[in-house]
C-alpha atoms as a PDB file:
ATOM      1  CA  MET A   1     -37.290  17.062 -46.769  1.00  0.00           C
ATOM      2  CA  LYS A   2     -39.256  13.927 -45.411  1.00  0.00           C
ATOM      3  CA  SER A   3     -38.454  10.422 -46.246  1.00  0.00           C
ATOM      4  CA  ALA A   4     -41.062   7.466 -46.370  1.00  0.00           C
ATOM      5  CA  ASN A   5     -38.574   5.586 -44.197  1.00  0.00           C
ATOM      6  CA  PRO A   6     -38.164   7.183 -40.800  1.00  0.00           C
ATOM      7  CA  GLU A   7     -34.579   5.652 -40.348  1.00  0.00           C
ATOM      8  CA  ASN A   8     -33.434   7.575 -43.731  1.00  0.00           C
ATOM      9  CA  GLU A   9     -34.437  11.233 -42.428  1.00  0.00           C
ATOM     10  CA  TYR A  10     -31.961  13.977 -43.579  1.00  0.00           C
ATOM     11  CA  ILE A  11     -29.574  14.861 -40.913  1.00  0.00           C
ATOM     12  CA  PRO A  12     -28.179  18.531 -41.062  1.00  0.00           C
ATOM     13  CA  LEU A  13     -24.561  18.622 -40.873  1.00  0.00           C
ATOM     14  CA  ASN A  14     -22.251  21.719 -40.405  1.00  0.00           C
ATOM     15  CA  LEU A  15     -19.230  21.149 -42.720  1.00  0.00           C
ATOM     16  CA  ARG A  16     -16.055  22.873 -43.386  1.00  0.00           C
ATOM     17  CA  ILE A  17     -14.362  22.119 -46.767  1.00  0.00           C
ATOM     18  CA  SER A  18     -11.897  23.504 -49.095  1.00  0.00           C
ATOM     19  CA  VAL A  19     -12.393  23.669 -52.674  1.00  0.00           C
ATOM     20  CA  ARG A  20     -10.604  25.265 -55.595  1.00  0.00           C
ATOM     21  CA  ARG A  21     -11.752  28.904 -56.537  1.00  0.00           C
ATOM     22  CA  ASP A  22     -12.977  27.438 -60.064  1.00  0.00           C
ATOM     23  CA  THR A  23     -14.867  24.537 -58.476  1.00  0.00           C
ATOM     24  CA  LEU A  24     -16.599  27.098 -56.127  1.00  0.00           C
ATOM     25  CA  ARG A  25     -17.588  29.289 -59.007  1.00  0.00           C
ATOM     26  CA  LEU A  26     -19.105  26.346 -60.887  1.00  0.00           C
ATOM     27  CA  ILE A  27     -20.862  24.920 -57.947  1.00  0.00           C
ATOM     28  CA  SER A  28     -22.309  28.579 -57.318  1.00  0.00           C
ATOM     29  CA  GLU A  29     -23.433  28.731 -60.890  1.00  0.00           C
ATOM     30  CA  MET A  30     -25.056  25.460 -60.630  1.00  0.00           C
ATOM     31  CA  ALA A  31     -26.812  26.460 -57.617  1.00  0.00           C
ATOM     32  CA  GLN A  32     -28.020  29.627 -59.314  1.00  0.00           C
ATOM     33  CA  ASP A  33     -29.254  27.878 -62.483  1.00  0.00           C
ATOM     34  CA  MET A  34     -30.918  25.268 -60.277  1.00  0.00           C
ATOM     35  CA  GLY A  35     -32.431  27.905 -57.910  1.00  0.00           C
ATOM     36  CA  ILE A  36     -31.015  26.194 -54.707  1.00  0.00           C
ATOM     37  CA  SER A  37     -28.433  26.915 -52.189  1.00  0.00           C
ATOM     38  CA  ILE A  38     -24.728  25.885 -52.400  1.00  0.00           C
ATOM     39  CA  ASN A  39     -25.314  23.786 -49.300  1.00  0.00           C
ATOM     40  CA  GLU A  40     -28.199  21.944 -51.399  1.00  0.00           C
ATOM     41  CA  VAL A  41     -25.795  21.306 -54.392  1.00  0.00           C
ATOM     42  CA  PHE A  42     -23.103  19.843 -52.041  1.00  0.00           C
ATOM     43  CA  SER A  43     -25.874  17.563 -50.457  1.00  0.00           C
ATOM     44  CA  PHE A  44     -27.103  16.333 -53.850  1.00  0.00           C
ATOM     45  CA  LEU A  45     -23.517  15.765 -54.958  1.00  0.00           C
ATOM     46  CA  ALA A  46     -22.870  13.779 -51.680  1.00  0.00           C
ATOM     47  CA  GLU A  47     -26.224  11.788 -52.188  1.00  0.00           C
ATOM     48  CA  ASP A  48     -25.312  11.026 -55.850  1.00  0.00           C
ATOM     49  CA  SER A  49     -21.833   9.805 -55.135  1.00  0.00           C
ATOM     50  CA  VAL A  50     -22.805   7.029 -52.704  1.00  0.00           C
ATOM     51  CA  ILE A  51     -26.383   6.144 -54.066  1.00  0.00           C
ATOM     52  CA  ASP A  52     -25.037   3.036 -55.729  1.00  0.00           C
ATOM     53  CA  LEU A  53     -23.010   1.897 -52.753  1.00  0.00           C
ATOM     54  CA  GLU A  54     -26.290   0.288 -51.253  1.00  0.00           C
ATOM     55  CA  LEU A  55     -26.455  -1.885 -54.267  1.00  0.00           C
ATOM     56  CA  MET A  56     -22.788  -3.027 -54.056  1.00  0.00           C
ATOM     57  CA  GLU A  57     -21.691  -6.346 -52.421  1.00  0.00           C
ATOM     58  CA  ASP A  58     -20.751  -6.230 -48.873  1.00  0.00           C
ATOM     59  CA  LEU A  59     -18.299  -3.533 -48.415  1.00  0.00           C
ATOM     60  CA  ASN A  60     -16.404  -5.233 -45.507  1.00  0.00           C
ATOM     61  CA  ASN A  61     -14.980  -7.730 -47.927  1.00  0.00           C
ATOM     62  CA  ILE A  62     -13.151  -5.147 -49.947  1.00  0.00           C
ATOM     63  CA  ASP A  63      -9.594  -4.420 -49.165  1.00  0.00           C
ATOM     64  CA  ILE A  64      -8.399  -0.767 -49.803  1.00  0.00           C
ATOM     65  CA  PRO A  65      -4.658  -0.341 -49.840  1.00  0.00           C
ATOM     66  CA  SER A  66      -3.051   2.563 -48.225  1.00  0.00           C
ATOM     67  CA  LYS A  67      -1.190   3.100 -51.514  1.00  0.00           C
ATOM     68  CA  CYS A  68      -0.536   1.481 -54.731  1.00  0.00           C
ATOM     69  CA  SER A  69       1.451   1.773 -57.875  1.00  0.00           C
ATOM     70  CA  LEU A  70      -0.019   3.068 -61.275  1.00  0.00           C
ATOM     71  CA  ASP A  71       0.370  -0.359 -62.668  1.00  0.00           C
ATOM     72  CA  ASP A  72      -1.375  -2.164 -59.827  1.00  0.00           C
ATOM     73  CA  LEU A  73      -4.273   0.296 -60.101  1.00  0.00           C
ATOM     74  CA  LYS A  74      -4.333  -0.357 -63.962  1.00  0.00           C
ATOM     75  CA  LYS A  75      -4.417  -4.062 -63.320  1.00  0.00           C
ATOM     76  CA  ALA A  76      -7.164  -3.748 -60.761  1.00  0.00           C
ATOM     77  CA  LEU A  77      -9.342  -1.695 -63.041  1.00  0.00           C
ATOM     78  CA  LEU A  78      -8.993  -4.277 -65.974  1.00  0.00           C
ATOM     79  CA  LYS A  79      -9.576  -7.044 -63.668  1.00  0.00           C
ATOM     80  CA  LYS A  80     -12.817  -5.320 -62.451  1.00  0.00           C
ATOM     81  CA  ARG A  81     -13.854  -4.680 -66.013  1.00  0.00           C
ATOM     82  CA  LEU A  82     -13.268  -8.420 -66.889  1.00  0.00           C
ATOM     83  CA  CYS A  83     -15.298  -9.875 -64.050  1.00  0.00           C
END
């Protein structure tokens, strides 16, 4: 596929990932229903999962802890919803 922006061209990647058997079955069915390859399904899923990141504020100012408690996570989610 070609993009209007030459800096935004598709770059082929050879990835090795592990998914559960049920996940692979669902993705395989999705690919068949759409008439595309499993690789294309994963490509679309990856694109969709990050599409909104460009619209978010500067990600350099976001602190991501290495771990947190369930209560800390709940508080952070509530705080984000209230802002």
